[in-house]
Amino acid sequence: MACPYSFVKVGVLLYRNVIVFENGAGLALLRFREMVERDPHGALSNWIEKDGDIDPCSWFGVECSDGQVVIL
């Protein structure tokens, strides 16, 4: 059975091709999320903008160090 999080491997490759804007990784990851066609396990369900705030460090599957995304 395939790993349910194998999309992350693809995501890392796609992430490198996404233009990083002023808000950096958060906007890039939201763009990536928009391109995901299926998320059967809901792994990206909390990758959202809340009240204009984008905080990828609080999202499932995202690890940060000193406020910067370091691992997906």
PDB file of N, CA and C in Angstrom:
ATOM      1  N   MET A   1       0.847  -1.183   0.000  1.00  0.00           N
ATOM      2  CA  MET A   1       0.000   0.000   0.000  1.00  0.00           C
ATOM      3  C   MET A   1       0.891   1.244   0.000  1.00  0.00           C
ATOM      4  N   ALA A   2       0.512   2.213  -0.781  1.00  0.00           N
ATOM      5  CA  ALA A   2       1.281   3.457  -0.878  1.00  0.00           C
ATOM      6  C   ALA A   2       1.134   4.268   0.403  1.00  0.00           C
ATOM      7  N   CYS A   3       2.163   4.980   0.727  1.00  0.00           N
ATOM      8  CA  CYS A   3       2.138   5.859   1.894  1.00  0.00           C
ATOM      9  C   CYS A   3       1.103   6.952   1.677  1.00  0.00           C
ATOM     10  N   PRO A   4       0.175   7.172   2.632  1.00  0.00           N
ATOM     11  CA  PRO A   4      -0.849   8.195   2.441  1.00  0.00           C
ATOM     12  C   PRO A   4      -0.288   9.602   2.366  1.00  0.00           C
ATOM     13  N   TYR A   5       0.950   9.780   2.734  1.00  0.00           N
ATOM     14  CA  TYR A   5       1.539  11.105   2.709  1.00  0.00           C
ATOM     15  C   TYR A   5       2.559  11.254   1.582  1.00  0.00           C
ATOM     16  N   SER A   6       2.469  10.366   0.596  1.00  0.00           N
ATOM     17  CA  SER A   6       3.421  10.423  -0.512  1.00  0.00           C
ATOM     18  C   SER A   6       3.292  11.721  -1.294  1.00  0.00           C
ATOM     19  N   PHE A   7       2.131  12.397  -1.180  1.00  0.00           N
ATOM     20  CA  PHE A   7       1.960  13.677  -1.864  1.00  0.00           C
ATOM     21  C   PHE A   7       2.989  14.688  -1.381  1.00  0.00           C
ATOM     22  N   VAL A   8       3.491  14.515  -0.158  1.00  0.00           N
ATOM     23  CA  VAL A   8       4.466  15.459   0.379  1.00  0.00           C
ATOM     24  C   VAL A   8       5.750  15.407  -0.445  1.00  0.00           C
ATOM     25  N   LYS A   9       6.143  14.209  -0.879  1.00  0.00           N
ATOM     26  CA  LYS A   9       7.337  14.091  -1.708  1.00  0.00           C
ATOM     27  C   LYS A   9       7.158  14.900  -2.983  1.00  0.00           C
ATOM     28  N   VAL A  10       5.999  14.765  -3.593  1.00  0.00           N
ATOM     29  CA  VAL A  10       5.697  15.536  -4.793  1.00  0.00           C
ATOM     30  C   VAL A  10       5.631  17.013  -4.438  1.00  0.00           C
ATOM     31  N   GLY A  11       5.052  17.312  -3.280  1.00  0.00           N
ATOM     32  CA  GLY A  11       4.915  18.688  -2.842  1.00  0.00           C
ATOM     33  C   GLY A  11       6.241  19.392  -2.702  1.00  0.00           C
ATOM     34  N   VAL A  12       7.222  18.696  -2.201  1.00  0.00           N
ATOM     35  CA  VAL A  12       8.535  19.308  -2.035  1.00  0.00           C
ATOM     36  C   VAL A  12       9.097  19.680  -3.401  1.00  0.00           C
ATOM     37  N   LEU A  13       8.907  18.797  -4.376  1.00  0.00           N
ATOM     38  CA  LEU A  13       9.387  19.109  -5.724  1.00  0.00           C
ATOM     39  C   LEU A  13       8.631  20.298  -6.302  1.00  0.00           C
ATOM     40  N   LEU A  14       7.315  20.315  -6.130  1.00  0.00           N
ATOM     41  CA  LEU A  14       6.524  21.423  -6.648  1.00  0.00           C
ATOM     42  C   LEU A  14       6.824  22.708  -5.891  1.00  0.00           C
ATOM     43  N   TYR A  15       7.035  22.588  -4.599  1.00  0.00           N
ATOM     44  CA  TYR A  15       7.295  23.754  -3.764  1.00  0.00           C
ATOM     45  C   TYR A  15       8.499  24.533  -4.289  1.00  0.00           C
ATOM     46  N   ARG A  16       9.491  23.823  -4.763  1.00  0.00           N
ATOM     47  CA  ARG A  16      10.689  24.496  -5.272  1.00  0.00           C
ATOM     48  C   ARG A  16      10.386  25.302  -6.526  1.00  0.00           C
ATOM     49  N   ASN A  17       9.294  24.968  -7.223  1.00  0.00           N
ATOM     50  CA  ASN A  17       8.942  25.665  -8.453  1.00  0.00           C
ATOM     51  C   ASN A  17       7.915  26.762  -8.230  1.00  0.00           C
ATOM     52  N   VAL A  18       7.429  26.921  -7.016  1.00  0.00           N
ATOM     53  CA  VAL A  18       6.442  27.946  -6.708  1.00  0.00           C
ATOM     54  C   VAL A  18       7.168  29.245  -6.387  1.00  0.00           C
ATOM     55  N   ILE A  19       6.680  30.330  -6.922  1.00  0.00           N
ATOM     56  CA  ILE A  19       7.279  31.634  -6.636  1.00  0.00           C
ATOM     57  C   ILE A  19       6.977  32.002  -5.188  1.00  0.00           C
ATOM     58  N   VAL A  20       7.991  32.343  -4.438  1.00  0.00           N
ATOM     59  CA  VAL A  20       7.825  32.720  -3.039  1.00  0.00           C
ATOM     60  C   VAL A  20       7.583  34.227  -2.976  1.00  0.00           C
ATOM     61  N   PHE A  21       6.465  34.609  -2.403  1.00  0.00           N
ATOM     62  CA  PHE A  21       6.087  36.012  -2.310  1.00  0.00           C
ATOM     63  C   PHE A  21       6.538  36.595  -0.974  1.00  0.00           C
ATOM     64  N   GLU A  22       6.064  37.795  -0.688  1.00  0.00           N
ATOM     65  CA  GLU A  22       6.474  38.516   0.509  1.00  0.00           C
ATOM     66  C   GLU A  22       6.288  37.683   1.775  1.00  0.00           C
ATOM     67  N   ASN A  23       5.178  36.948   1.871  1.00  0.00           N
ATOM     68  CA  ASN A  23       4.928  36.140   3.057  1.00  0.00           C
ATOM     69  C   ASN A  23       5.573  34.770   2.927  1.00  0.00           C
ATOM     70  N   GLY A  24       6.430  34.595   1.983  1.00  0.00           N
ATOM     71  CA  GLY A  24       7.274  33.421   1.858  1.00  0.00           C
ATOM     72  C   GLY A  24       6.563  32.093   1.775  1.00  0.00           C
ATOM     73  N   ALA A  25       6.992  31.199   2.626  1.00  0.00           N
ATOM     74  CA  ALA A  25       6.559  29.814   2.571  1.00  0.00           C
ATOM     75  C   ALA A  25       5.051  29.654   2.727  1.00  0.00           C
ATOM     76  N   GLY A  26       4.431  30.448   3.568  1.00  0.00           N
ATOM     77  CA  GLY A  26       2.989  30.311   3.787  1.00  0.00           C
ATOM     78  C   GLY A  26       2.188  30.486   2.513  1.00  0.00           C
ATOM     79  N   LEU A  27       2.471  31.527   1.760  1.00  0.00           N
ATOM     80  CA  LEU A  27       1.767  31.749   0.490  1.00  0.00           C
ATOM     81  C   LEU A  27       2.104  30.671  -0.520  1.00  0.00           C
ATOM     82  N   ALA A  28       3.362  30.272  -0.566  1.00  0.00           N
ATOM     83  CA  ALA A  28       3.767  29.224  -1.499  1.00  0.00           C
ATOM     84  C   ALA A  28       3.054  27.911  -1.179  1.00  0.00           C
ATOM     85  N   LEU A  29       2.946  27.585   0.091  1.00  0.00           N
ATOM     86  CA  LEU A  29       2.269  26.348   0.476  1.00  0.00           C
ATOM     87  C   LEU A  29       0.764  26.426   0.204  1.00  0.00           C
ATOM     88  N   LEU A  30       0.168  27.591   0.392  1.00  0.00           N
ATOM     89  CA  LEU A  30      -1.255  27.737   0.049  1.00  0.00           C
ATOM     90  C   LEU A  30      -1.457  27.551  -1.449  1.00  0.00           C
ATOM     91  N   ARG A  31      -0.554  28.060  -2.252  1.00  0.00           N
ATOM     92  CA  ARG A  31      -0.622  27.850  -3.705  1.00  0.00           C
ATOM     93  C   ARG A  31      -0.503  26.365  -4.034  1.00  0.00           C
ATOM     94  N   PHE A  32       0.440  25.700  -3.366  1.00  0.00           N
ATOM     95  CA  PHE A  32       0.600  24.259  -3.572  1.00  0.00           C
ATOM     96  C   PHE A  32      -0.693  23.532  -3.218  1.00  0.00           C
ATOM     97  N   ARG A  33      -1.293  23.896  -2.080  1.00  0.00           N
ATOM     98  CA  ARG A  33      -2.530  23.247  -1.636  1.00  0.00           C
ATOM     99  C   ARG A  33      -3.627  23.395  -2.686  1.00  0.00           C
ATOM    100  N   GLU A  34      -3.697  24.539  -3.326  1.00  0.00           N
ATOM    101  CA  GLU A  34      -4.704  24.763  -4.368  1.00  0.00           C
ATOM    102  C   GLU A  34      -4.529  23.796  -5.531  1.00  0.00           C
ATOM    103  N   MET A  35      -3.302  23.342  -5.769  1.00  0.00           N
ATOM    104  CA  MET A  35      -3.031  22.431  -6.884  1.00  0.00           C
ATOM    105  C   MET A  35      -3.301  20.969  -6.541  1.00  0.00           C
ATOM    106  N   VAL A  36      -3.432  20.654  -5.258  1.00  0.00           N
ATOM    107  CA  VAL A  36      -3.685  19.273  -4.851  1.00  0.00           C
ATOM    108  C   VAL A  36      -5.117  18.903  -5.233  1.00  0.00           C
ATOM    109  N   GLU A  37      -5.243  17.850  -6.030  1.00  0.00           N
ATOM    110  CA  GLU A  37      -6.565  17.433  -6.499  1.00  0.00           C
ATOM    111  C   GLU A  37      -7.272  16.516  -5.518  1.00  0.00           C
ATOM    112  N   ARG A  38      -6.515  15.737  -4.767  1.00  0.00           N
ATOM    113  CA  ARG A  38      -7.118  14.812  -3.810  1.00  0.00           C
ATOM    114  C   ARG A  38      -6.329  14.835  -2.516  1.00  0.00           C
ATOM    115  N   ASP A  39      -7.054  14.878  -1.424  1.00  0.00           N
ATOM    116  CA  ASP A  39      -6.454  14.807  -0.092  1.00  0.00           C
ATOM    117  C   ASP A  39      -7.352  13.886   0.733  1.00  0.00           C
ATOM    118  N   PRO A  40      -7.334  12.586   0.421  1.00  0.00           N
ATOM    119  CA  PRO A  40      -8.295  11.661   1.031  1.00  0.00           C
ATOM    120  C   PRO A  40      -8.187  11.536   2.550  1.00  0.00           C
ATOM    121  N   HIS A  41      -7.056  11.864   3.106  1.00  0.00           N
ATOM    122  CA  HIS A  41      -6.874  11.753   4.561  1.00  0.00           C
ATOM    123  C   HIS A  41      -6.996  13.107   5.258  1.00  0.00           C
ATOM    124  N   GLY A  42      -7.287  14.156   4.504  1.00  0.00           N
ATOM    125  CA  GLY A  42      -7.476  15.475   5.092  1.00  0.00           C
ATOM    126  C   GLY A  42      -6.217  16.078   5.686  1.00  0.00           C
ATOM    127  N   ALA A  43      -5.058  15.653   5.189  1.00  0.00           N
ATOM    128  CA  ALA A  43      -3.791  16.130   5.745  1.00  0.00           C
ATOM    129  C   ALA A  43      -3.600  17.633   5.573  1.00  0.00           C
ATOM    130  N   LEU A  44      -4.238  18.210   4.556  1.00  0.00           N
ATOM    131  CA  LEU A  44      -4.068  19.637   4.299  1.00  0.00           C
ATOM    132  C   LEU A  44      -5.268  20.461   4.761  1.00  0.00           C
ATOM    133  N   SER A  45      -6.139  19.856   5.520  1.00  0.00           N
ATOM    134  CA  SER A  45      -7.389  20.524   5.894  1.00  0.00           C
ATOM    135  C   SER A  45      -7.182  21.775   6.755  1.00  0.00           C
ATOM    136  N   ASN A  46      -6.073  21.849   7.483  1.00  0.00           N
ATOM    137  CA  ASN A  46      -5.855  23.059   8.290  1.00  0.00           C
ATOM    138  C   ASN A  46      -4.849  24.008   7.643  1.00  0.00           C
ATOM    139  N   TRP A  47      -4.503  23.759   6.382  1.00  0.00           N
ATOM    140  CA  TRP A  47      -3.636  24.678   5.644  1.00  0.00           C
ATOM    141  C   TRP A  47      -4.521  25.786   5.105  1.00  0.00           C
ATOM    142  N   ILE A  48      -4.817  26.757   5.936  1.00  0.00           N
ATOM    143  CA  ILE A  48      -5.743  27.831   5.565  1.00  0.00           C
ATOM    144  C   ILE A  48      -5.230  29.175   6.071  1.00  0.00           C
ATOM    145  N   GLU A  49      -5.820  30.203   5.518  1.00  0.00           N
ATOM    146  CA  GLU A  49      -5.566  31.569   5.976  1.00  0.00           C
ATOM    147  C   GLU A  49      -6.681  31.914   6.952  1.00  0.00           C
ATOM    148  N   LYS A  50      -6.329  32.364   8.144  1.00  0.00           N
ATOM    149  CA  LYS A  50      -7.325  32.714   9.160  1.00  0.00           C
ATOM    150  C   LYS A  50      -7.263  34.208   9.426  1.00  0.00           C
ATOM    151  N   ASP A  51      -8.344  34.886   9.136  1.00  0.00           N
ATOM    152  CA  ASP A  51      -8.438  36.330   9.399  1.00  0.00           C
ATOM    153  C   ASP A  51      -7.246  37.100   8.829  1.00  0.00           C
ATOM    154  N   GLY A  52      -6.833  36.727   7.626  1.00  0.00           N
ATOM    155  CA  GLY A  52      -5.716  37.402   6.974  1.00  0.00           C
ATOM    156  C   GLY A  52      -4.353  36.962   7.458  1.00  0.00           C
ATOM    157  N   ASP A  53      -4.303  36.018   8.405  1.00  0.00           N
ATOM    158  CA  ASP A  53      -3.036  35.549   8.954  1.00  0.00           C
ATOM    159  C   ASP A  53      -2.687  34.202   8.342  1.00  0.00           C
ATOM    160  N   ILE A  54      -1.478  34.073   7.854  1.00  0.00           N
ATOM    161  CA  ILE A  54      -0.988  32.815   7.301  1.00  0.00           C
ATOM    162  C   ILE A  54       0.129  32.325   8.208  1.00  0.00           C
ATOM    163  N   ASP A  55      -0.111  31.198   8.891  1.00  0.00           N
ATOM    164  CA  ASP A  55       0.871  30.662   9.830  1.00  0.00           C
ATOM    165  C   ASP A  55       1.155  29.200   9.508  1.00  0.00           C
ATOM    166  N   PRO A  56       2.026  28.939   8.526  1.00  0.00           N
ATOM    167  CA  PRO A  56       2.285  27.547   8.154  1.00  0.00           C
ATOM    168  C   PRO A  56       2.902  26.722   9.272  1.00  0.00           C
ATOM    169  N   CYS A  57       3.511  27.368  10.247  1.00  0.00           N
ATOM    170  CA  CYS A  57       4.134  26.629  11.352  1.00  0.00           C
ATOM    171  C   CYS A  57       3.097  25.930  12.231  1.00  0.00           C
ATOM    172  N   SER A  58       1.835  26.297  12.107  1.00  0.00           N
ATOM    173  CA  SER A  58       0.779  25.639  12.882  1.00  0.00           C
ATOM    174  C   SER A  58       0.042  24.581  12.063  1.00  0.00           C
ATOM    175  N   TRP A  59       0.443  24.371  10.826  1.00  0.00           N
ATOM    176  CA  TRP A  59      -0.247  23.429   9.945  1.00  0.00           C
ATOM    177  C   TRP A  59       0.299  22.022  10.107  1.00  0.00           C
ATOM    178  N   PHE A  60      -0.593  21.039   9.907  1.00  0.00           N
ATOM    179  CA  PHE A  60      -0.211  19.635   9.969  1.00  0.00           C
ATOM    180  C   PHE A  60       0.850  19.325   8.908  1.00  0.00           C
ATOM    181  N   GLY A  61       1.886  18.617   9.305  1.00  0.00           N
ATOM    182  CA  GLY A  61       2.916  18.181   8.364  1.00  0.00           C
ATOM    183  C   GLY A  61       3.980  19.218   8.055  1.00  0.00           C
ATOM    184  N   VAL A  62       3.904  20.369   8.696  1.00  0.00           N
ATOM    185  CA  VAL A  62       4.883  21.434   8.462  1.00  0.00           C
ATOM    186  C   VAL A  62       5.676  21.633   9.750  1.00  0.00           C
ATOM    187  N   GLU A  63       6.987  21.573   9.639  1.00  0.00           N
ATOM    188  CA  GLU A  63       7.829  21.831  10.799  1.00  0.00           C
ATOM    189  C   GLU A  63       8.640  23.093  10.562  1.00  0.00           C
ATOM    190  N   CYS A  64       8.784  23.874  11.614  1.00  0.00           N
ATOM    191  CA  CYS A  64       9.493  25.152  11.512  1.00  0.00           C
ATOM    192  C   CYS A  64      10.611  25.237  12.531  1.00  0.00           C
ATOM    193  N   SER A  65      11.552  26.093  12.216  1.00  0.00           N
ATOM    194  CA  SER A  65      12.619  26.431  13.138  1.00  0.00           C
ATOM    195  C   SER A  65      12.789  27.938  13.053  1.00  0.00           C
ATOM    196  N   ASP A  66      12.705  28.600  14.179  1.00  0.00           N
ATOM    197  CA  ASP A  66      12.811  30.058  14.239  1.00  0.00           C
ATOM    198  C   ASP A  66      11.829  30.740  13.290  1.00  0.00           C
ATOM    199  N   GLY A  67      10.616  30.170  13.205  1.00  0.00           N
ATOM    200  CA  GLY A  67       9.571  30.773  12.394  1.00  0.00           C
ATOM    201  C   GLY A  67       9.683  30.527  10.898  1.00  0.00           C
ATOM    202  N   GLN A  68      10.635  29.699  10.484  1.00  0.00           N
ATOM    203  CA  GLN A  68      10.837  29.384   9.071  1.00  0.00           C
ATOM    204  C   GLN A  68      10.510  27.915   8.814  1.00  0.00           C
ATOM    205  N   VAL A  69       9.809  27.646   7.722  1.00  0.00           N
ATOM    206  CA  VAL A  69       9.502  26.259   7.341  1.00  0.00           C
ATOM    207  C   VAL A  69      10.811  25.568   6.978  1.00  0.00           C
ATOM    208  N   VAL A  70      11.034  24.410   7.615  1.00  0.00           N
ATOM    209  CA  VAL A  70      12.260  23.657   7.334  1.00  0.00           C
ATOM    210  C   VAL A  70      11.988  22.245   6.842  1.00  0.00           C
ATOM    211  N   ILE A  71      10.805  21.697   7.182  1.00  0.00           N
ATOM    212  CA  ILE A  71      10.480  20.323   6.793  1.00  0.00           C
ATOM    213  C   ILE A  71       9.014  20.234   6.433  1.00  0.00           C
ATOM    214  N   LEU A  72       8.743  19.526   5.339  1.00  0.00           N
ATOM    215  CA  LEU A  72       7.367  19.175   4.976  1.00  0.00           C
ATOM    216  C   LEU A  72       7.222  17.683   5.123  1.00  0.00           C
TER     217      LEU A  72
END
